[in-house]
Structure formats: structure tokens, C-alpha cells
């Protein structure tokens, strides 16, 4: 079981980069080349390649060669399921924070 926790922690470290999360999201429903990802993300080639290398090392993305181009796709659709669950949790958190902020502002106005 300890090995599973180590692997889980290692996988979670990959998700600490907003740029890697963006790449995962871009690959949600399609395979893309490095140049495609560069255009969509506004990242430079070195940055995209570095992030893709890390994602490939952790088996989050896989590659397919077509001539001189290499295309990237998600290794498993379960990655998007996990991505979407985390996004829902974060959106709920944002909504609660915004509601609390509105309630505080409203309470302040009522006191004045």
C-alpha cells in the first residue's frame, strides 16, 4: 500500500503546474502536435516540450508518430474524469467563497 501512496504523490506533483493542467485539458478530446499545443496555449516550444516530456514519463500522455510529426493524446480517458471532478470541487469552493464575500458586503451595508 505504501507504494501506491508514493505513486499517487508522484502523480499529484505533475498536476502542480497550471501549464501542464492546460495541456491535459487541451488533449481532452483530441490528439495534438507540439505546434498545435503551442498555438492553443501561447507557450513556446521549449516549454511545451518540457511539460509533455514530464507528462509522458508519468504515462499521462502517449505519442503517435505521423511522418515527421509526433501527436500527443491522453493515455486514459479516466484522466479527464479525475480532472473534471477536481474542477467541480474547485468551482464549488469558488462559489462558496463568492457567496460568503457577498454576504459579508451585504451585512456591512446593513450596519451603515
N, C-alpha and C. Protein backbone atom coordinates (compact mmCIF):
# COMPACT_ATOMS: atom_id res chain seq x y z
N UNK A 1 0.83 -1.20 0.00
CA UNK A 1 0.00 0.00 0.00
C UNK A 1 0.87 1.25 0.00
N UNK A 2 2.02 1.19 0.67
CA UNK A 2 2.92 2.34 0.70
C UNK A 2 3.34 2.74 -0.71
N UNK A 3 3.59 1.77 -1.57
CA UNK A 3 3.99 2.03 -2.95
C UNK A 3 2.88 2.80 -3.68
N UNK A 4 1.64 2.44 -3.41
CA UNK A 4 0.52 3.14 -4.03
C UNK A 4 0.50 4.61 -3.62
N UNK A 5 0.75 4.91 -2.34
CA UNK A 5 0.78 6.29 -1.88
C UNK A 5 1.93 7.06 -2.54
N UNK A 6 3.05 6.39 -2.71
CA UNK A 6 4.18 7.04 -3.38
C UNK A 6 3.84 7.39 -4.83
N UNK A 7 3.21 6.45 -5.52
CA UNK A 7 2.82 6.71 -6.91
C UNK A 7 1.77 7.81 -7.00
N UNK A 8 0.84 7.80 -6.06
CA UNK A 8 -0.21 8.83 -6.02
C UNK A 8 0.42 10.21 -5.82
N UNK A 9 1.34 10.32 -4.88
CA UNK A 9 2.00 11.60 -4.61
C UNK A 9 2.80 12.05 -5.83
N UNK A 10 3.47 11.11 -6.47
CA UNK A 10 4.25 11.45 -7.67
C UNK A 10 3.34 11.97 -8.78
N UNK A 11 2.21 11.32 -8.97
CA UNK A 11 1.25 11.75 -9.99
C UNK A 11 0.71 13.14 -9.64
N UNK A 12 0.37 13.37 -8.39
CA UNK A 12 -0.17 14.66 -7.98
C UNK A 12 0.83 15.79 -8.19
N UNK A 13 2.12 15.52 -8.04
CA UNK A 13 3.13 16.56 -8.29
C UNK A 13 3.09 17.04 -9.73
N UNK A 14 2.74 16.17 -10.64
CA UNK A 14 2.63 16.56 -12.05
C UNK A 14 1.56 17.63 -12.21
N UNK A 15 0.53 17.55 -11.38
CA UNK A 15 -0.60 18.47 -11.51
C UNK A 15 -0.39 19.79 -10.77
N UNK A 16 0.81 20.06 -10.33
CA UNK A 16 1.06 21.33 -9.63
C UNK A 16 1.34 22.47 -10.60
N UNK A 17 1.45 22.16 -11.88
CA UNK A 17 1.74 23.19 -12.87
C UNK A 17 0.47 23.56 -13.63
N UNK A 18 0.07 24.84 -13.57
CA UNK A 18 -1.10 25.26 -14.36
C UNK A 18 -0.92 25.00 -15.85
N UNK A 19 0.30 25.09 -16.34
CA UNK A 19 0.54 24.85 -17.77
C UNK A 19 0.33 23.39 -18.13
N UNK A 20 0.75 22.46 -17.26
CA UNK A 20 0.51 21.05 -17.53
C UNK A 20 -0.99 20.74 -17.47
N UNK A 21 -1.68 21.37 -16.54
CA UNK A 21 -3.14 21.19 -16.48
C UNK A 21 -3.80 21.70 -17.76
N UNK A 22 -3.30 22.81 -18.26
CA UNK A 22 -3.84 23.36 -19.51
C UNK A 22 -3.61 22.39 -20.67
N UNK A 23 -2.42 21.81 -20.73
CA UNK A 23 -2.11 20.85 -21.79
C UNK A 23 -3.03 19.63 -21.69
N UNK A 24 -3.22 19.13 -20.48
CA UNK A 24 -4.12 17.99 -20.29
C UNK A 24 -5.52 18.34 -20.79
N UNK A 25 -5.97 19.53 -20.46
CA UNK A 25 -7.30 19.96 -20.90
C UNK A 25 -7.37 20.10 -22.42
N UNK A 26 -6.31 20.60 -23.04
CA UNK A 26 -6.29 20.72 -24.50
C UNK A 26 -6.38 19.35 -25.17
N UNK A 27 -5.81 18.34 -24.52
CA UNK A 27 -5.81 17.00 -25.08
C UNK A 27 -7.08 16.22 -24.72
N UNK A 28 -7.99 16.88 -24.08
CA UNK A 28 -9.24 16.28 -23.59
C UNK A 28 -9.93 15.40 -24.63
N UNK A 29 -10.16 15.91 -25.82
CA UNK A 29 -10.93 15.20 -26.83
C UNK A 29 -10.20 15.00 -28.15
N UNK A 30 -8.90 15.25 -28.14
CA UNK A 30 -8.18 15.21 -29.41
C UNK A 30 -6.70 14.97 -29.20
N UNK A 31 -6.06 14.52 -30.24
CA UNK A 31 -4.60 14.45 -30.19
C UNK A 31 -4.06 15.69 -30.88
N UNK A 32 -2.94 16.18 -30.36
CA UNK A 32 -2.36 17.42 -30.88
C UNK A 32 -0.86 17.27 -31.01
N UNK A 33 -0.29 18.01 -31.94
CA UNK A 33 1.17 18.08 -32.08
C UNK A 33 1.69 19.17 -31.16
N UNK A 34 3.00 19.22 -31.01
CA UNK A 34 3.61 20.28 -30.20
C UNK A 34 3.23 21.64 -30.76
N UNK A 35 3.26 21.79 -32.09
CA UNK A 35 2.92 23.10 -32.67
C UNK A 35 1.46 23.45 -32.42
N UNK A 36 0.57 22.45 -32.46
CA UNK A 36 -0.84 22.71 -32.13
C UNK A 36 -0.97 23.22 -30.70
N UNK A 37 -0.29 22.55 -29.79
CA UNK A 37 -0.36 22.92 -28.37
C UNK A 37 0.23 24.32 -28.17
N UNK A 38 1.31 24.61 -28.88
CA UNK A 38 1.92 25.94 -28.78
C UNK A 38 0.93 27.02 -29.18
N UNK A 39 0.24 26.82 -30.30
CA UNK A 39 -0.72 27.81 -30.79
C UNK A 39 -1.87 28.01 -29.82
N UNK A 40 -2.41 26.89 -29.31
CA UNK A 40 -3.57 26.97 -28.44
C UNK A 40 -3.25 27.51 -27.05
N UNK A 41 -2.04 27.24 -26.57
CA UNK A 41 -1.68 27.61 -25.20
C UNK A 41 -0.86 28.90 -25.12
N UNK A 42 -0.34 29.35 -26.24
CA UNK A 42 0.53 30.54 -26.28
C UNK A 42 1.85 30.30 -25.52
N UNK A 43 2.25 29.04 -25.41
CA UNK A 43 3.54 28.70 -24.79
C UNK A 43 4.57 28.52 -25.89
N UNK A 44 5.84 28.69 -25.53
CA UNK A 44 6.89 28.47 -26.52
C UNK A 44 7.21 26.97 -26.63
N UNK A 45 7.94 26.63 -27.69
CA UNK A 45 8.21 25.23 -28.00
C UNK A 45 8.97 24.52 -26.88
N UNK A 46 9.96 25.16 -26.33
CA UNK A 46 10.76 24.54 -25.26
C UNK A 46 9.89 24.23 -24.05
N UNK A 47 9.02 25.16 -23.69
CA UNK A 47 8.15 24.98 -22.54
C UNK A 47 7.16 23.84 -22.76
N UNK A 48 6.52 23.82 -23.94
CA UNK A 48 5.57 22.75 -24.26
C UNK A 48 6.28 21.40 -24.25
N UNK A 49 7.42 21.33 -24.88
CA UNK A 49 8.16 20.06 -24.94
C UNK A 49 8.56 19.57 -23.55
N UNK A 50 8.99 20.48 -22.71
CA UNK A 50 9.37 20.11 -21.34
C UNK A 50 8.18 19.53 -20.57
N UNK A 51 7.03 20.19 -20.67
CA UNK A 51 5.85 19.70 -19.97
C UNK A 51 5.38 18.36 -20.54
N UNK A 52 5.40 18.22 -21.86
CA UNK A 52 4.99 16.97 -22.48
C UNK A 52 5.92 15.82 -22.09
N UNK A 53 7.18 16.12 -21.96
CA UNK A 53 8.15 15.10 -21.54
C UNK A 53 7.79 14.57 -20.15
N UNK A 54 7.50 15.47 -19.22
CA UNK A 54 7.11 15.05 -17.87
C UNK A 54 5.81 14.27 -17.88
N UNK A 55 4.85 14.72 -18.68
CA UNK A 55 3.57 14.02 -18.77
C UNK A 55 3.75 12.63 -19.38
N UNK A 56 4.66 12.51 -20.32
CA UNK A 56 4.91 11.21 -20.95
C UNK A 56 5.63 10.28 -19.97
N UNK A 57 6.58 10.80 -19.22
CA UNK A 57 7.31 10.00 -18.23
C UNK A 57 6.37 9.37 -17.21
N UNK A 58 5.29 10.07 -16.89
CA UNK A 58 4.32 9.57 -15.91
C UNK A 58 3.16 8.84 -16.55
N UNK A 59 3.28 8.54 -17.84
CA UNK A 59 2.25 7.81 -18.58
C UNK A 59 0.90 8.50 -18.59
N UNK A 60 0.93 9.83 -18.57
CA UNK A 60 -0.31 10.61 -18.64
C UNK A 60 -0.67 10.86 -20.10
N UNK A 61 0.35 11.02 -20.93
CA UNK A 61 0.12 11.16 -22.37
C UNK A 61 0.87 10.05 -23.11
N UNK A 62 0.38 9.79 -24.32
CA UNK A 62 1.07 8.85 -25.20
C UNK A 62 1.32 9.55 -26.52
N UNK A 63 2.18 8.99 -27.32
CA UNK A 63 2.54 9.61 -28.59
C UNK A 63 2.22 8.70 -29.77
N UNK A 64 2.05 9.37 -30.91
CA UNK A 64 1.87 8.67 -32.17
C UNK A 64 2.61 9.47 -33.22
N UNK A 65 3.48 8.79 -33.95
CA UNK A 65 4.25 9.47 -35.00
C UNK A 65 3.51 9.35 -36.33
N UNK A 66 3.47 10.48 -37.06
CA UNK A 66 2.92 10.50 -38.41
C UNK A 66 3.91 11.29 -39.26
N UNK A 67 4.76 10.58 -39.95
CA UNK A 67 5.83 11.24 -40.70
C UNK A 67 6.81 11.89 -39.73
N UNK A 68 7.00 13.19 -39.89
CA UNK A 68 7.92 13.90 -39.00
C UNK A 68 7.22 14.46 -37.76
N UNK A 69 5.90 14.44 -37.76
CA UNK A 69 5.15 15.00 -36.63
C UNK A 69 4.86 13.93 -35.59
N UNK A 70 4.91 14.36 -34.34
CA UNK A 70 4.52 13.50 -33.24
C UNK A 70 3.27 14.09 -32.62
N UNK A 71 2.26 13.26 -32.46
CA UNK A 71 1.00 13.69 -31.87
C UNK A 71 0.87 13.13 -30.46
N UNK A 72 0.31 13.95 -29.60
CA UNK A 72 0.11 13.59 -28.20
C UNK A 72 -1.37 13.43 -27.92
N UNK A 73 -1.67 12.46 -27.08
CA UNK A 73 -3.04 12.27 -26.62
C UNK A 73 -2.98 11.75 -25.19
N UNK A 74 -4.10 11.80 -24.51
CA UNK A 74 -4.15 11.29 -23.15
C UNK A 74 -4.07 9.77 -23.17
N UNK A 75 -3.34 9.22 -22.23
CA UNK A 75 -3.16 7.77 -22.17
C UNK A 75 -4.43 7.06 -21.73
N UNK A 76 -5.26 7.75 -20.96
CA UNK A 76 -6.50 7.15 -20.49
C UNK A 76 -7.58 8.22 -20.34
N UNK A 77 -8.81 7.92 -20.73
CA UNK A 77 -9.89 8.90 -20.55
C UNK A 77 -10.22 9.13 -19.06
N UNK A 78 -9.77 8.24 -18.20
CA UNK A 78 -10.01 8.42 -16.77
C UNK A 78 -9.33 9.68 -16.25
N UNK A 79 -8.29 10.13 -16.95
CA UNK A 79 -7.60 11.36 -16.56
C UNK A 79 -8.58 12.54 -16.61
N UNK A 80 -9.42 12.58 -17.63
CA UNK A 80 -10.38 13.67 -17.77
C UNK A 80 -11.45 13.56 -16.68
N UNK A 81 -11.84 12.35 -16.34
CA UNK A 81 -12.79 12.17 -15.25
C UNK A 81 -12.24 12.77 -13.96
N UNK A 82 -10.99 12.45 -13.65
CA UNK A 82 -10.36 12.99 -12.45
C UNK A 82 -10.23 14.51 -12.55
N UNK A 83 -9.84 14.99 -13.71
CA UNK A 83 -9.69 16.42 -13.97
C UNK A 83 -11.02 17.13 -13.72
N UNK A 84 -12.12 16.57 -14.26
CA UNK A 84 -13.43 17.20 -14.13
C UNK A 84 -13.95 17.16 -12.69
N UNK A 85 -13.69 16.08 -11.98
CA UNK A 85 -14.11 16.01 -10.57
C UNK A 85 -13.40 17.10 -9.77
N UNK A 86 -12.10 17.25 -9.97
CA UNK A 86 -11.35 18.28 -9.25
C UNK A 86 -11.86 19.67 -9.63
N UNK A 87 -12.15 19.87 -10.89
CA UNK A 87 -12.67 21.17 -11.35
C UNK A 87 -14.00 21.48 -10.68
N UNK A 88 -14.89 20.49 -10.57
CA UNK A 88 -16.19 20.69 -9.91
C UNK A 88 -15.99 21.08 -8.45
N UNK A 89 -15.07 20.42 -7.78
CA UNK A 89 -14.78 20.74 -6.38
C UNK A 89 -14.30 22.18 -6.27
N UNK A 90 -13.41 22.58 -7.17
CA UNK A 90 -12.87 23.95 -7.13
C UNK A 90 -13.94 24.99 -7.46
N UNK A 91 -14.80 24.68 -8.43
CA UNK A 91 -15.88 25.62 -8.77
C UNK A 91 -16.85 25.78 -7.59
N UNK A 92 -17.13 24.68 -6.89
CA UNK A 92 -17.97 24.76 -5.68
C UNK A 92 -17.31 25.64 -4.63
N UNK A 93 -16.01 25.48 -4.48
CA UNK A 93 -15.26 26.27 -3.50
C UNK A 93 -15.30 27.76 -3.86
N UNK A 94 -15.12 28.06 -5.13
CA UNK A 94 -15.17 29.46 -5.59
C UNK A 94 -16.56 30.03 -5.34
N UNK A 95 -17.60 29.26 -5.65
CA UNK A 95 -18.98 29.73 -5.44
C UNK A 95 -19.24 30.01 -3.97
N UNK A 96 -18.77 29.15 -3.09
CA UNK A 96 -18.96 29.36 -1.65
C UNK A 96 -18.21 30.60 -1.17
N UNK A 97 -17.01 30.78 -1.67
CA UNK A 97 -16.21 31.95 -1.30
C UNK A 97 -16.89 33.23 -1.77
N UNK A 98 -17.38 33.22 -3.01
CA UNK A 98 -18.06 34.40 -3.55
C UNK A 98 -19.35 34.70 -2.78
N UNK A 99 -20.08 33.66 -2.41
CA UNK A 99 -21.31 33.85 -1.64
C UNK A 99 -20.98 34.45 -0.28
N UNK A 100 -19.95 33.92 0.37
CA UNK A 100 -19.54 34.45 1.66
C UNK A 100 -19.14 35.92 1.53
N UNK A 101 -18.41 36.25 0.49
CA UNK A 101 -17.99 37.63 0.26
C UNK A 101 -19.20 38.55 0.06
N UNK A 102 -20.19 38.10 -0.73
CA UNK A 102 -21.41 38.89 -0.94
C UNK A 102 -22.16 39.07 0.38
N UNK A 103 -22.25 37.99 1.18
CA UNK A 103 -22.95 38.07 2.46
C UNK A 103 -22.27 39.06 3.39
N UNK A 104 -20.96 39.06 3.41
CA UNK A 104 -20.22 39.99 4.27
C UNK A 104 -20.45 41.42 3.81
N UNK A 105 -20.39 41.67 2.50
CA UNK A 105 -20.63 43.02 1.98
C UNK A 105 -22.05 43.48 2.30
N UNK A 106 -23.00 42.58 2.15
CA UNK A 106 -24.40 42.91 2.43
C UNK A 106 -24.56 43.24 3.92
N UNK A 107 -23.95 42.48 4.79
CA UNK A 107 -24.04 42.71 6.24
C UNK A 107 -23.41 44.06 6.60
N UNK A 108 -22.32 44.40 5.95
CA UNK A 108 -21.67 45.69 6.22
C UNK A 108 -22.57 46.84 5.81
N UNK A 109 -23.22 46.70 4.65
CA UNK A 109 -24.12 47.76 4.16
C UNK A 109 -25.30 47.93 5.11
N UNK A 110 -25.82 46.82 5.63
CA UNK A 110 -26.96 46.89 6.55
C UNK A 110 -26.60 47.58 7.85
N UNK A 111 -25.34 47.48 8.28
CA UNK A 111 -24.90 48.13 9.52
C UNK A 111 -24.70 49.63 9.34
N UNK A 112 -24.54 50.09 8.13
CA UNK A 112 -24.28 51.52 7.92
C UNK A 112 -25.53 52.28 7.61
